[in-house]
């Protein structure tokens, strides 16, 4: 079983366009993004606007957290 972090992202880029995405970030660096409206998988290259910003910020946060854990473990 892979350990992963789940995040749900809901936003409105336009007045009529809602995005409801679930992000699963795995410890091995992989990510799975699911569009909750259609149950379709989304590739990071398909993200734009606020969803892309959310993805980048969470990815950076998890990389920093992982590095800090390794520094504490091996220091």
N, C-alpha and C. Protein backbone atom coordinates (compact mmCIF):
# COMPACT_ATOMS: atom_id res chain seq x y z
N UNK A 1 0.84 -1.19 0.00
CA UNK A 1 0.00 0.00 0.00
C UNK A 1 0.88 1.24 0.00
N UNK A 2 0.62 2.13 -0.91
CA UNK A 2 1.38 3.37 -1.01
C UNK A 2 0.76 4.43 -0.11
N UNK A 3 1.63 5.14 0.59
CA UNK A 3 1.17 6.27 1.39
C UNK A 3 0.93 7.45 0.46
N UNK A 4 -0.20 8.12 0.60
CA UNK A 4 -0.44 9.27 -0.25
C UNK A 4 -1.19 10.35 0.52
N UNK A 5 -1.13 11.55 -0.03
CA UNK A 5 -1.82 12.70 0.53
C UNK A 5 -2.96 13.06 -0.41
N UNK A 6 -4.15 13.22 0.14
CA UNK A 6 -5.33 13.58 -0.65
C UNK A 6 -5.66 15.05 -0.43
N UNK A 7 -5.91 15.75 -1.53
CA UNK A 7 -6.37 17.13 -1.47
C UNK A 7 -7.52 17.28 -2.45
N UNK A 8 -8.53 18.03 -2.05
CA UNK A 8 -9.64 18.33 -2.95
C UNK A 8 -9.58 19.80 -3.29
N UNK A 9 -9.74 20.10 -4.57
CA UNK A 9 -9.65 21.47 -5.06
C UNK A 9 -10.93 21.82 -5.79
N UNK A 10 -11.61 22.86 -5.31
CA UNK A 10 -12.86 23.31 -5.94
C UNK A 10 -12.73 24.80 -6.19
N UNK A 11 -12.98 25.21 -7.43
CA UNK A 11 -12.91 26.63 -7.76
C UNK A 11 -13.76 26.92 -8.98
N UNK A 12 -13.98 28.18 -9.20
CA UNK A 12 -14.69 28.64 -10.39
C UNK A 12 -13.77 29.59 -11.14
N UNK A 13 -13.27 29.15 -12.31
CA UNK A 13 -12.43 30.02 -13.13
C UNK A 13 -13.28 31.05 -13.86
N UNK A 14 -14.41 30.63 -14.36
CA UNK A 14 -15.39 31.53 -14.98
C UNK A 14 -16.67 31.42 -14.16
N UNK A 15 -17.63 32.25 -14.48
CA UNK A 15 -18.89 32.20 -13.74
C UNK A 15 -19.65 30.90 -13.97
N UNK A 16 -19.44 30.26 -15.11
CA UNK A 16 -20.17 29.04 -15.41
C UNK A 16 -19.29 27.79 -15.35
N UNK A 17 -17.98 27.95 -15.19
CA UNK A 17 -17.06 26.81 -15.21
C UNK A 17 -16.53 26.51 -13.80
N UNK A 18 -17.00 25.42 -13.23
CA UNK A 18 -16.51 24.98 -11.93
C UNK A 18 -15.53 23.85 -12.14
N UNK A 19 -14.48 23.82 -11.33
CA UNK A 19 -13.53 22.72 -11.34
C UNK A 19 -13.58 22.05 -9.98
N UNK A 20 -13.73 20.75 -9.99
CA UNK A 20 -13.75 19.95 -8.78
C UNK A 20 -12.76 18.80 -9.00
N UNK A 21 -11.56 18.95 -8.44
CA UNK A 21 -10.49 17.99 -8.67
C UNK A 21 -10.02 17.37 -7.37
N UNK A 22 -9.64 16.10 -7.43
CA UNK A 22 -8.99 15.43 -6.31
C UNK A 22 -7.57 15.12 -6.71
N UNK A 23 -6.63 15.56 -5.87
CA UNK A 23 -5.21 15.31 -6.10
C UNK A 23 -4.75 14.25 -5.11
N UNK A 24 -4.03 13.25 -5.61
CA UNK A 24 -3.41 12.25 -4.75
C UNK A 24 -1.91 12.29 -5.03
N UNK A 25 -1.17 12.78 -4.05
CA UNK A 25 0.29 12.86 -4.16
C UNK A 25 0.87 11.67 -3.40
N UNK A 26 1.66 10.85 -4.09
CA UNK A 26 2.26 9.67 -3.49
C UNK A 26 3.68 9.97 -3.05
N UNK A 27 4.16 9.23 -2.06
CA UNK A 27 5.50 9.43 -1.50
C UNK A 27 6.60 9.20 -2.53
N UNK A 28 6.34 8.40 -3.54
CA UNK A 28 7.37 8.14 -4.56
C UNK A 28 7.46 9.25 -5.60
N UNK A 29 6.66 10.32 -5.45
CA UNK A 29 6.71 11.45 -6.35
C UNK A 29 5.64 11.45 -7.43
N UNK A 30 4.90 10.37 -7.55
CA UNK A 30 3.84 10.34 -8.56
C UNK A 30 2.60 11.07 -8.05
N UNK A 31 1.74 11.42 -8.99
CA UNK A 31 0.51 12.14 -8.65
C UNK A 31 -0.63 11.59 -9.51
N UNK A 32 -1.81 11.53 -8.94
CA UNK A 32 -3.01 11.15 -9.67
C UNK A 32 -4.02 12.27 -9.46
N UNK A 33 -4.54 12.80 -10.55
CA UNK A 33 -5.52 13.88 -10.49
C UNK A 33 -6.80 13.37 -11.13
N UNK A 34 -7.90 13.50 -10.42
CA UNK A 34 -9.19 13.02 -10.90
C UNK A 34 -10.17 14.18 -10.96
N UNK A 35 -10.84 14.32 -12.08
CA UNK A 35 -11.93 15.29 -12.22
C UNK A 35 -13.15 14.65 -11.59
N UNK A 36 -13.64 15.20 -10.49
CA UNK A 36 -14.74 14.58 -9.75
C UNK A 36 -16.08 14.65 -10.49
N UNK A 37 -16.21 15.54 -11.45
CA UNK A 37 -17.46 15.63 -12.21
C UNK A 37 -17.58 14.51 -13.24
N UNK A 38 -16.45 14.14 -13.85
CA UNK A 38 -16.47 13.14 -14.92
C UNK A 38 -15.76 11.85 -14.57
N UNK A 39 -15.11 11.80 -13.42
CA UNK A 39 -14.28 10.66 -12.99
C UNK A 39 -13.15 10.36 -13.97
N UNK A 40 -12.74 11.35 -14.73
CA UNK A 40 -11.64 11.19 -15.69
C UNK A 40 -10.33 11.58 -15.02
N UNK A 41 -9.27 10.90 -15.43
CA UNK A 41 -7.93 11.24 -14.95
C UNK A 41 -7.43 12.44 -15.73
N UNK A 42 -6.77 13.34 -15.02
CA UNK A 42 -6.23 14.56 -15.61
C UNK A 42 -4.72 14.53 -15.46
N UNK A 43 -4.00 14.86 -16.51
CA UNK A 43 -2.54 14.95 -16.46
C UNK A 43 -2.16 16.36 -16.01
N UNK A 44 -1.06 16.49 -15.27
CA UNK A 44 -0.64 17.83 -14.82
C UNK A 44 -0.49 18.83 -15.97
N UNK A 45 -0.13 18.35 -17.16
CA UNK A 45 0.02 19.25 -18.31
C UNK A 45 -1.32 19.86 -18.74
N UNK A 46 -2.43 19.24 -18.35
CA UNK A 46 -3.75 19.74 -18.72
C UNK A 46 -4.27 20.80 -17.76
N UNK A 47 -3.58 21.01 -16.65
CA UNK A 47 -4.02 22.00 -15.66
C UNK A 47 -3.69 23.41 -16.13
N UNK A 48 -4.51 24.35 -15.71
CA UNK A 48 -4.24 25.76 -15.98
C UNK A 48 -4.89 26.61 -14.89
N UNK A 49 -4.51 27.86 -14.83
CA UNK A 49 -5.10 28.79 -13.88
C UNK A 49 -4.88 28.41 -12.43
N UNK A 50 -5.92 28.53 -11.65
CA UNK A 50 -5.85 28.28 -10.21
C UNK A 50 -5.52 26.83 -9.89
N UNK A 51 -5.98 25.89 -10.72
CA UNK A 51 -5.70 24.48 -10.49
C UNK A 51 -4.20 24.19 -10.66
N UNK A 52 -3.58 24.80 -11.65
CA UNK A 52 -2.14 24.63 -11.85
C UNK A 52 -1.36 25.24 -10.69
N UNK A 53 -1.77 26.41 -10.24
CA UNK A 53 -1.12 27.06 -9.10
C UNK A 53 -1.23 26.19 -7.85
N UNK A 54 -2.41 25.63 -7.61
CA UNK A 54 -2.63 24.73 -6.47
C UNK A 54 -1.69 23.53 -6.55
N UNK A 55 -1.62 22.91 -7.72
CA UNK A 55 -0.77 21.74 -7.93
C UNK A 55 0.69 22.07 -7.65
N UNK A 56 1.18 23.16 -8.18
CA UNK A 56 2.59 23.54 -8.00
C UNK A 56 2.89 23.83 -6.53
N UNK A 57 2.00 24.57 -5.87
CA UNK A 57 2.23 24.90 -4.46
C UNK A 57 2.24 23.65 -3.57
N UNK A 58 1.32 22.73 -3.79
CA UNK A 58 1.28 21.50 -2.99
C UNK A 58 2.49 20.62 -3.29
N UNK A 59 2.89 20.56 -4.55
CA UNK A 59 4.06 19.76 -4.93
C UNK A 59 5.31 20.29 -4.23
N UNK A 60 5.51 21.59 -4.25
CA UNK A 60 6.67 22.21 -3.59
C UNK A 60 6.61 21.96 -2.08
N UNK A 61 5.44 22.13 -1.49
CA UNK A 61 5.28 21.91 -0.05
C UNK A 61 5.65 20.47 0.33
N UNK A 62 5.19 19.49 -0.45
CA UNK A 62 5.47 18.09 -0.13
C UNK A 62 6.94 17.75 -0.34
N UNK A 63 7.58 18.33 -1.33
CA UNK A 63 9.01 18.11 -1.55
C UNK A 63 9.81 18.67 -0.37
N UNK A 64 9.48 19.88 0.06
CA UNK A 64 10.16 20.49 1.20
C UNK A 64 9.96 19.67 2.47
N UNK A 65 8.75 19.21 2.69
CA UNK A 65 8.45 18.41 3.87
C UNK A 65 9.25 17.11 3.86
N UNK A 66 9.31 16.46 2.71
CA UNK A 66 10.06 15.22 2.57
C UNK A 66 11.55 15.46 2.84
N UNK A 67 12.10 16.54 2.31
CA UNK A 67 13.52 16.86 2.55
C UNK A 67 13.79 17.13 4.02
N UNK A 68 12.90 17.86 4.68
CA UNK A 68 13.08 18.15 6.10
C UNK A 68 13.03 16.88 6.93
N UNK A 69 12.13 15.95 6.59
CA UNK A 69 12.05 14.68 7.30
C UNK A 69 13.33 13.88 7.14
N UNK A 70 13.90 13.89 5.93
CA UNK A 70 15.14 13.15 5.69
C UNK A 70 16.32 13.79 6.41
N UNK A 71 16.36 15.13 6.48
CA UNK A 71 17.43 15.82 7.20
C UNK A 71 17.38 15.45 8.67
N UNK A 72 16.20 15.44 9.26
CA UNK A 72 16.06 15.10 10.68
C UNK A 72 16.42 13.62 10.90
N UNK A 73 16.01 12.77 9.99
CA UNK A 73 16.26 11.34 10.14
C UNK A 73 17.74 10.99 10.04
N UNK A 74 18.44 11.63 9.11
CA UNK A 74 19.83 11.25 8.84
C UNK A 74 20.86 12.22 9.42
N UNK A 75 20.43 13.21 10.17
CA UNK A 75 21.38 14.19 10.75
C UNK A 75 22.06 13.64 11.98
